[in-house]
Protein backbone atom coordinates (compact mmCIF):
# COMPACT_ATOMS: atom_id res chain seq x y z
CA MET A 1 -113.61 115.58 96.95
CA THR A 2 -110.82 117.46 95.07
CA PRO A 3 -107.76 118.29 97.02
CA ASP A 4 -108.85 121.94 96.72
CA SER A 5 -112.14 121.83 97.97
CA THR A 6 -112.67 121.69 101.99
CA PRO A 7 -112.47 124.61 102.83
CA GLY A 8 -110.59 125.54 106.43
CA LEU A 9 -109.46 128.05 109.30
CA LEU A 10 -106.68 128.51 112.24
CA ILE A 11 -108.23 129.20 115.48
CA ALA A 12 -104.77 131.06 117.42
CA ALA A 13 -103.51 133.49 120.27
CA PRO A 14 -101.13 135.94 120.83
CA ALA A 15 -100.48 133.65 123.63
CA SER A 16 -101.35 130.68 125.74
CA GLY A 17 -104.06 130.62 127.68
CA THR A 18 -106.25 132.61 126.58
CA GLY A 19 -109.06 129.95 125.45
CA LYS A 20 -108.83 128.96 122.16
CA THR A 21 -109.19 125.11 122.98
CA THR A 22 -112.64 126.49 124.27
CA VAL A 23 -113.29 127.85 121.31
CA MET A 24 -112.19 125.16 118.92
CA LEU A 25 -114.19 122.40 121.32
CA GLY A 26 -116.84 124.33 120.89
CA LEU A 27 -116.90 125.28 117.26
CA LEU A 28 -115.90 121.83 116.25
CA ARG A 29 -119.60 120.91 118.41
CA ALA A 30 -121.62 123.38 116.62
CA LEU A 31 -120.36 122.68 113.30
CA ARG A 32 -120.46 119.11 113.39
CA ASP A 33 -124.26 119.43 115.10
CA ASP A 34 -124.93 121.65 111.91
CA GLY A 35 -124.42 118.59 109.89
CA LEU A 36 -120.86 118.97 108.79
CA VAL A 37 -118.31 116.79 108.94
CA VAL A 38 -115.26 118.30 109.89
CA GLN A 39 -112.04 117.52 110.30
CA PRO A 40 -109.73 118.89 113.31
CA PHE A 41 -105.84 119.21 113.40
CA LYS A 42 -103.36 120.33 115.83
CA SER A 43 -100.41 122.38 115.32
CA GLY A 44 -97.29 121.19 117.12
CA PRO A 45 -96.36 118.07 118.57
CA ASP A 46 -99.39 117.98 121.26
CA TYR A 47 -100.76 114.62 122.08
CA ILE A 48 -103.78 115.37 124.43
CA ASP A 49 -105.73 118.00 122.80
CA PRO A 50 -106.28 116.30 119.27
CA ALA A 51 -108.07 113.61 121.81
CA PHE A 52 -110.50 116.21 122.98
CA HIS A 53 -110.79 117.25 119.42
CA ARG A 54 -112.09 113.67 118.47
CA ALA A 55 -114.48 113.65 121.06
CA ALA A 56 -115.82 117.15 120.01
CA SER A 57 -116.25 116.32 115.96
CA GLY A 58 -116.43 112.46 115.83
CA ARG A 59 -112.83 112.00 113.74
CA ALA A 60 -109.25 111.61 114.41
CA SER A 61 -107.58 114.59 115.05
CA PHE A 62 -104.07 115.09 113.43
CA ASN A 63 -100.98 117.04 114.05
CA LEU A 64 -99.07 119.20 111.84
CA ASP A 65 -95.79 120.32 112.90
CA SER A 66 -93.79 122.59 110.57
CA TRP A 67 -89.81 121.59 112.59
CA SER A 68 -90.21 118.02 112.65
CA MET A 69 -92.31 117.26 109.24
CA GLU A 70 -91.29 117.45 105.68
CA ALA A 71 -93.82 119.10 103.19
CA ALA A 72 -94.67 115.66 101.62
CA MET A 73 -96.13 114.74 104.91
CA LEU A 74 -97.66 117.72 105.95
CA ASP A 75 -99.14 117.88 102.52
CA MET A 76 -100.19 114.28 103.05
CA LEU A 77 -101.89 114.89 106.12
CA ALA A 78 -103.93 117.49 105.31
CA ALA A 79 -105.59 115.58 102.82
CA LYS A 80 -107.31 113.73 105.42
CA ALA A 81 -109.59 116.51 105.28
CA ASP A 82 -110.33 115.62 101.61
CA ASP A 83 -113.04 113.89 102.53
CA ALA A 84 -114.72 116.35 104.95
CA ASP A 85 -116.83 119.74 104.72
CA PHE A 86 -114.79 121.45 106.53
CA ALA A 87 -111.23 121.78 108.21
CA LEU A 88 -110.37 123.53 111.42
CA ALA A 89 -107.35 123.36 112.91
CA GLU A 90 -105.86 125.10 116.61
CA GLY A 91 -102.87 126.38 116.99
CA SER A 92 -100.30 126.23 119.88
CA MET A 93 -98.70 128.87 121.87
CA GLY A 94 -98.62 132.39 120.25
CA LEU A 95 -99.09 132.41 116.59
CA PHE A 96 -95.71 132.97 115.41
CA ASP A 97 -94.15 131.38 118.37
CA GLY A 98 -91.60 128.97 117.52
CA VAL A 99 -87.73 127.89 117.78
CA ALA A 100 -84.93 129.89 116.85
CA LYS A 101 -83.51 127.39 113.60
CA LEU A 102 -85.80 126.18 110.96
CA GLY A 103 -86.42 122.72 110.86
CA ALA A 104 -88.09 120.31 108.24
CA THR A 105 -90.44 123.40 106.65
CA GLY A 106 -89.86 125.76 109.42
CA ASN A 107 -89.69 126.67 112.82
CA GLY A 108 -92.64 125.25 114.75
CA ALA A 109 -94.88 128.05 114.62
CA SER A 110 -98.69 127.54 114.16
CA ALA A 111 -98.20 130.59 111.64
CA ASP A 112 -95.85 127.92 109.36
CA ILE A 113 -99.04 125.79 108.94
CA ALA A 114 -101.99 128.44 108.46
CA ARG A 115 -99.05 130.22 105.60
CA ARG A 116 -98.85 126.35 103.87
CA MET A 117 -102.10 125.59 103.85
CA GLY A 118 -103.84 128.74 103.41
CA TRP A 119 -106.15 128.87 106.38
CA PRO A 120 -107.33 132.11 107.62
CA VAL A 121 -105.91 132.87 111.23
CA VAL A 122 -108.77 133.90 113.85
CA LEU A 123 -107.18 135.04 116.97
CA VAL A 124 -108.89 134.68 120.17
CA ILE A 125 -107.81 137.56 122.22
CA ASP A 126 -108.16 137.76 125.96
CA VAL A 127 -109.24 141.21 126.45
CA SER A 128 -109.56 141.26 130.42
CA GLY A 129 -107.62 143.82 131.66
CA GLN A 130 -107.77 146.26 128.07
CA ALA A 131 -110.41 147.75 126.53
CA GLN A 132 -109.49 149.22 122.93
CA SER A 133 -105.64 148.25 123.62
CA ALA A 134 -106.47 144.82 122.84
CA ALA A 135 -107.02 146.44 119.00
CA ALA A 136 -103.17 147.32 118.78
CA THR A 137 -102.22 143.23 119.49
CA ALA A 138 -104.59 142.32 116.88
CA LEU A 139 -103.21 144.95 114.36
CA GLY A 140 -99.82 144.21 114.98
CA PHE A 141 -100.63 140.36 114.24
CA SER A 142 -102.17 141.37 111.04
CA ARG A 143 -99.00 143.19 109.67
CA TYR A 144 -96.38 141.02 110.92
CA ASP A 145 -96.17 138.43 108.53
CA PRO A 146 -98.87 139.48 105.16
CA SER A 147 -98.32 135.47 104.16
CA VAL A 148 -100.66 134.69 106.77
CA PRO A 149 -104.18 136.24 106.91
CA ILE A 150 -106.16 137.23 109.46
CA ALA A 151 -109.75 137.01 109.24
CA GLY A 152 -110.43 138.73 112.40
CA VAL A 153 -110.51 137.71 116.05
CA ILE A 154 -112.66 136.78 118.99
CA LEU A 155 -112.78 138.46 121.83
CA ASN A 156 -112.88 136.69 125.22
CA ARG A 157 -113.12 137.00 128.80
CA VAL A 158 -115.38 140.19 128.58
CA ALA A 159 -116.64 141.50 131.80
CA SER A 160 -119.69 143.87 130.86
CA PRO A 161 -121.02 144.71 127.70
CA ARG A 162 -119.54 148.61 128.14
CA HIS A 163 -116.53 146.63 128.15
CA GLU A 164 -117.37 144.62 125.07
CA ARG A 165 -118.43 148.16 123.33
CA LEU A 166 -115.11 149.31 124.27
CA ALA A 167 -113.15 146.60 122.35
CA ARG A 168 -115.15 145.97 119.41
CA SER A 169 -114.77 149.99 118.90
CA GLY A 170 -111.08 149.69 118.93
CA MET A 171 -110.85 146.84 116.48
CA GLU A 172 -113.24 148.54 114.16
CA ALA A 173 -111.09 151.96 114.17
CA VAL A 174 -108.41 149.72 112.54
CA GLY A 175 -110.23 147.09 110.78
CA ILE A 176 -110.42 144.30 112.81
CA ARG A 177 -113.10 141.92 112.14
CA VAL A 178 -114.84 141.06 115.02
CA PHE A 179 -116.90 137.77 114.68
CA GLY A 180 -118.05 137.21 118.41
CA SER A 181 -117.53 138.25 122.24
CA LEU A 182 -117.68 135.92 124.55
CA PRO A 183 -118.46 136.99 128.41
CA ARG A 184 -116.33 135.88 131.31
CA ARG A 185 -117.11 132.40 132.49
CA GLY A 186 -114.79 130.75 135.02
CA ASP A 187 -116.90 126.99 134.74
CA LEU A 188 -116.17 126.67 131.02
CA LYS A 189 -112.22 126.17 131.96
CA LEU A 190 -110.88 122.59 131.65
CA PRO A 191 -108.52 121.29 134.14
CA GLU A 192 -105.18 121.04 133.84
CA ARG A 193 -101.96 118.98 134.89
CA HIS A 194 -98.22 119.12 134.79
CA LEU A 195 -98.35 118.21 130.73
CA GLY A 196 -101.08 120.32 129.70
CA LEU A 197 -104.98 119.45 130.03
CA VAL A 198 -106.27 116.16 131.79
CA GLN A 199 -106.85 113.52 129.86
CA ALA A 200 -110.11 113.49 127.68
CA ALA A 201 -110.92 110.07 129.08
CA GLU A 202 -110.35 111.06 132.49
CA HIS A 203 -113.35 113.33 131.80
CA PRO A 204 -116.33 111.32 132.75
CA ASP A 205 -118.85 114.63 131.55
CA LEU A 206 -116.79 115.95 128.95
CA ASP A 207 -119.50 115.31 126.12
CA ALA A 208 -121.75 117.29 128.32
CA ARG A 209 -118.77 120.35 128.52
CA ILE A 210 -118.46 120.45 124.86
CA ASN A 211 -122.41 120.89 124.48
CA ASP A 212 -121.93 123.65 126.48
CA TYR A 213 -119.26 125.03 124.54
CA ALA A 214 -120.74 124.55 121.62
CA THR A 215 -124.26 126.37 123.28
CA PHE A 216 -121.91 129.53 124.17
CA LEU A 217 -120.09 129.95 120.97
CA ARG A 218 -123.63 129.81 119.25
CA ALA A 219 -125.04 132.45 121.60
CA HIS A 220 -121.88 134.82 121.56
CA VAL A 221 -119.94 134.23 118.35
CA ASP A 222 -121.14 134.31 114.10
CA ILE A 223 -120.59 131.11 113.12
CA PRO A 224 -122.15 131.46 109.51
CA ALA A 225 -119.56 134.03 109.27
CA LEU A 226 -116.79 132.36 110.25
CA ARG A 227 -117.65 129.36 107.82
CA ASP A 228 -118.12 132.16 105.09
CA ALA A 229 -114.13 133.45 106.23
CA ALA A 230 -112.57 130.33 105.42
CA THR A 231 -110.70 129.64 102.37
CA ALA A 232 -109.97 126.18 100.32
CA VAL A 233 -106.64 125.90 98.26
CA ALA A 234 -104.56 123.66 95.92
CA ARG A 235 -102.26 121.46 97.61
CA PRO A 236 -99.43 119.26 95.74
CA ALA A 237 -100.27 115.55 94.87
CA ASN A 238 -100.51 113.20 97.77
CA ALA A 239 -97.28 111.51 98.35
CA GLN A 240 -97.88 108.66 101.00
CA ILE A 241 -94.84 108.93 103.01
CA TRP A 242 -95.53 107.62 106.20
CA ILE A 243 -93.20 106.79 109.21
CA ARG A 244 -91.83 103.34 108.23
CA PRO A 245 -93.47 101.05 111.00
CA PRO A 246 -90.82 98.86 113.79
CA ALA A 247 -92.44 95.64 113.53
CA GLN A 248 -95.28 93.90 111.73
CA ARG A 249 -97.28 92.54 114.71
CA ILE A 250 -96.55 95.44 117.54
CA ALA A 251 -98.51 94.84 121.00
CA LEU A 252 -99.44 98.65 122.13
CA ALA A 253 -99.92 99.93 125.68
CA GLN A 254 -102.86 101.58 126.06
CA ASP A 255 -104.60 103.09 129.43
CA ALA A 256 -104.45 105.73 131.79
CA ALA A 257 -100.72 105.43 132.41
CA PHE A 258 -99.68 105.29 128.55
CA SER A 259 -102.25 107.17 126.42
CA PHE A 260 -99.22 109.40 124.84
CA THR A 261 -99.62 108.45 120.77
CA TYR A 262 -99.63 110.09 117.57
CA ALA A 263 -102.48 109.70 115.15
CA HIS A 264 -100.35 109.90 112.30
CA VAL A 265 -98.08 107.09 113.69
CA LEU A 266 -100.86 104.63 114.19
CA GLU A 267 -102.21 105.17 110.91
CA GLY A 268 -99.13 105.05 109.13
CA TRP A 269 -98.33 101.29 111.03
CA ARG A 270 -101.88 100.27 110.01
CA LYS A 271 -102.07 101.75 106.37
CA ALA A 272 -98.42 99.54 106.31
CA GLY A 273 -100.33 96.57 107.23
CA VAL A 274 -99.38 96.22 111.09
CA GLU A 275 -101.22 94.13 113.31
CA ILE A 276 -101.73 96.31 116.56
CA LEU A 277 -102.44 94.39 119.38
CA PRO A 278 -103.78 96.62 122.57
CA PHE A 279 -103.00 95.44 126.10
CA SER A 280 -103.46 97.39 129.23
CA PRO A 281 -100.51 97.24 132.35
CA LEU A 282 -103.07 98.76 134.39
CA ALA A 283 -105.19 96.12 134.13
CA ASP A 284 -102.01 93.66 134.95
CA GLU A 285 -102.11 92.58 130.98
CA ALA A 286 -99.54 91.08 129.67
CA PRO A 287 -98.20 91.83 125.72
CA ALA A 288 -99.69 89.35 123.20
CA ALA A 289 -97.30 86.49 123.15
CA HIS A 290 -97.07 86.45 119.23
CA ALA A 291 -96.21 90.26 119.18
CA ASP A 292 -92.92 91.42 117.27
CA LEU A 293 -92.50 94.18 119.56
CA VAL A 294 -93.96 95.69 122.47
CA TRP A 295 -94.14 99.66 122.42
CA LEU A 296 -95.11 101.55 125.35
CA PRO A 297 -96.00 104.99 124.61
CA GLY A 298 -95.75 108.12 126.92
CA GLY A 299 -98.31 109.22 129.65
CA TYR A 300 -98.62 109.58 133.14
CA PRO A 301 -97.09 106.35 135.29
CA GLU A 302 -95.71 108.66 138.03
CA LEU A 303 -99.87 109.19 138.79
CA HIS A 304 -100.57 105.23 138.42
CA ALA A 305 -96.96 103.94 140.00
CA GLY A 306 -98.45 102.10 142.96
CA LYS A 307 -100.63 100.16 140.30
CA LEU A 308 -97.76 99.58 138.11
CA ALA A 309 -95.75 98.47 141.10
CA ALA A 310 -98.02 95.53 141.92
CA ALA A 311 -98.89 94.59 138.00
CA ALA A 312 -96.69 91.15 138.78
CA THR A 313 -98.72 89.69 135.25
CA PHE A 314 -98.01 92.63 133.31
CA ARG A 315 -93.89 92.51 134.30
CA ALA A 316 -93.68 89.11 133.65
CA GLY A 317 -95.10 89.18 130.31
CA LEU A 318 -92.95 92.37 129.96
CA ALA A 319 -89.81 89.98 130.61
CA GLU A 320 -90.39 87.09 128.58
CA HIS A 321 -91.00 89.05 125.49
CA ALA A 322 -88.23 90.81 126.44
CA ARG A 323 -85.87 87.96 126.39
CA THR A 324 -86.04 87.13 122.48
CA ARG A 325 -87.49 90.21 120.92
CA PRO A 326 -87.22 93.97 121.15
CA VAL A 327 -89.27 96.16 124.11
CA HIS A 328 -89.59 100.20 123.23
CA GLY A 329 -90.71 102.61 125.93
CA GLU A 330 -91.08 106.36 124.88
CA CYS A 331 -90.99 108.85 127.50
CA GLY A 332 -93.52 107.61 130.40
CA GLY A 333 -92.74 104.18 128.56
CA TYR A 334 -89.13 104.05 129.00
CA MET A 335 -90.00 105.08 132.58
CA ALA A 336 -91.75 102.20 133.52
CA LEU A 337 -89.33 100.04 132.00
CA GLY A 338 -86.50 101.48 134.57
CA GLU A 339 -85.64 99.96 137.89
CA GLY A 340 -88.03 102.43 139.70
CA LEU A 341 -89.97 105.38 139.76
CA ILE A 342 -89.90 107.90 142.53
CA ASP A 343 -92.66 109.94 143.00
CA ALA A 344 -94.21 113.31 143.93
CA ASP A 345 -94.26 112.29 147.71
CA GLY A 346 -91.17 110.83 147.55
CA THR A 347 -92.42 107.22 147.54
CA ARG A 348 -90.14 104.87 145.00
CA HIS A 349 -92.13 102.40 143.44
CA ARG A 350 -90.64 98.78 141.59
CA MET A 351 -91.14 99.29 137.66
CA ALA A 352 -90.30 96.60 135.25
CA GLY A 353 -86.39 96.66 135.80
CA LEU A 354 -85.51 95.86 132.36
CA LEU A 355 -83.34 99.13 132.41
CA GLY A 356 -81.69 100.10 135.01
CA LEU A 357 -83.26 103.84 135.06
CA VAL A 358 -84.57 105.65 138.10
CA THR A 359 -86.39 108.61 137.51
CA SER A 360 -87.92 111.26 140.33
CA TYR A 361 -91.16 113.90 140.38
CA ALA A 362 -89.76 114.35 143.74
CA GLN A 363 -87.03 116.62 142.04
CA ARG A 364 -89.31 117.80 139.40
CA LYS A 365 -87.45 119.95 136.44
CA MET A 366 -89.04 120.98 132.91
CA HIS A 367 -87.79 119.42 130.07
CA LEU A 368 -89.11 120.51 127.04
CA GLY A 369 -88.08 120.83 123.17
CA TYR A 370 -87.50 119.43 119.69
CA ARG A 371 -85.46 116.51 119.52
CA ARG A 372 -83.41 114.96 116.76
CA ALA A 373 -82.09 111.80 117.28
CA THR A 374 -79.52 109.08 115.53
CA LEU A 375 -79.48 105.88 117.16
CA HIS A 376 -76.44 104.45 118.64
CA ALA A 377 -78.43 100.68 118.08
CA PRO A 378 -81.74 99.32 116.81
CA MET A 379 -84.82 100.32 118.35
CA GLY A 380 -87.41 97.90 117.64
CA GLY A 381 -86.86 97.21 113.40
CA PHE A 382 -85.23 101.16 113.35
CA THR A 383 -81.71 100.14 112.79
CA ALA A 384 -78.70 102.21 114.34
CA ASP A 385 -77.70 104.95 112.84
CA THR A 386 -81.67 106.08 111.43
CA ALA A 387 -82.37 109.66 112.40
CA LEU A 388 -85.38 110.25 114.23
CA THR A 389 -87.30 114.05 114.90
CA GLY A 390 -89.59 114.05 117.74
CA HIS A 391 -90.26 115.99 121.17
CA GLU A 392 -89.48 115.84 124.73
CA PHE A 393 -92.03 117.45 127.38
CA HIS A 394 -91.74 115.81 130.84
CA TYR A 395 -91.05 116.77 134.72
CA SER A 396 -89.05 113.86 136.20
CA THR A 397 -85.38 114.22 137.17
CA ILE A 398 -82.55 111.13 136.27
CA ILE A 399 -81.44 109.71 139.27
CA ASP A 400 -79.92 106.42 137.64
CA GLN A 401 -79.20 105.72 133.82
CA PRO A 402 -76.52 103.02 133.84
CA ASP A 403 -77.29 101.66 130.75
CA ALA A 404 -75.73 102.23 127.25
CA PRO A 405 -77.04 105.27 125.27
CA LEU A 406 -79.46 104.90 122.67
CA ALA A 407 -78.86 107.60 120.71
CA HIS A 408 -77.25 110.85 120.23
CA VAL A 409 -80.06 113.15 120.74
CA THR A 410 -79.57 117.00 120.09
CA ASP A 411 -82.22 120.05 120.52
CA ALA A 412 -83.81 122.42 117.80
CA GLU A 413 -80.61 124.44 117.66
CA GLY A 414 -78.58 121.49 117.46
CA ASN A 415 -76.99 121.14 120.78
CA ALA A 416 -76.33 117.84 122.26
CA VAL A 417 -78.91 116.95 125.20
CA ALA A 418 -78.31 115.15 128.46
CA GLU A 419 -81.82 112.66 127.67
CA THR A 420 -79.83 110.23 125.26
CA GLY A 421 -82.12 107.40 125.94
CA SER A 422 -80.37 103.96 126.52
CA TYR A 423 -80.82 100.30 126.20
CA ARG A 424 -79.96 96.80 127.32
CA GLY A 425 -80.30 93.66 124.67
CA HIS A 426 -83.58 94.07 123.44
CA VAL A 427 -84.70 96.79 125.45
CA SER A 428 -85.01 100.70 124.85
CA GLY A 429 -86.08 103.85 126.07
CA SER A 430 -86.07 107.63 125.03
CA PHE A 431 -87.22 110.61 126.37
CA PHE A 432 -88.11 111.98 122.67
CA HIS A 433 -91.69 111.36 121.59
CA MET A 434 -90.84 110.06 117.63
CA ILE A 435 -92.61 111.99 115.21
CA ALA A 436 -91.34 111.15 111.75
CA ALA A 437 -87.94 110.28 110.31
CA ALA A 438 -85.29 112.76 109.90
CA SER A 439 -84.03 113.70 106.10
């Protein structure tokens, strides 16, 4: 297909918690069941929702982030839809919510992605506790930025037929199109955890749930009208600017404790010819002996700390690798490289001991936001002085971090943050998840 031939929409909302993920998953499955090849995307630095998108659509979902990613990378990733029939993106937070200062191509708002890609926005509006007044919200969103087209709305959590009539009448009065109205159903809500949804792989009945969402959407939303509302726009030529791989053979931890990897990072590694060697610390597997680098991604090590503490083969293999070759951990992976991890009950668990880091979930504090890091020391194959953009999101507290700081790390406004990461010998770790190279 040509670069301008794939129509798309962005599913967004006025705020978090409105039900847009349910709508997104139901639409992905319904469109797929209609015989369409649908390419999913996620706006912002989310590493949990894309796994649900993949389960619903059968295709890997790619993050599009205007704060971290240069224009060429955004366009390159959007081109993942070139061999699809439809592109469907899920927004994050409220449509216009971002950080205060601009980054690479914007402030991280979903509106930046809709504007750049030319995808009309469908707002999922929670109308519980209001009726005609919801139209004022929709009208405000449609006029806030004329460069971001609002195709219409899907009403969610509608209490009764009368409630729906009143809410629809308000939308009609201000010329806002209503694509559908979803009755209130508590059983459609996915369970959540402190970093968002419980991971897709942890739902044994996920496929059945997504089928239920699709059936629900079909019954209450005009899906053909949504398809007609999508638009396709021309994009610049597809420059290949994947993030440079840090090694040629990468042993990558992959299991329920270490699962937060961005699809575009892994794809970039593969396109560069990297051999990815997966292993499971929770299964007490050692990293491949011939790997050039061991990479421990983020995840939920705090939920599996006892099992990690007992994984002697994993720890021994990691230590042997670290004698001569680099090891890096991101967020949860960083915690697993430390001396100890204190869980929410206050129990301390032994970790790999390759760094002096001690973290605690008994003293919870949220750390959230974009990060720019300039390395003081090598991180895998990344040399000192390399600048990276990323995102930090965790609830752990640093009890001890005695090793040398890995990087000078700032937030989206340029303020230095204390979570610098650290390194010792060939071993390094950071609390930020790498998204792209900084310009």
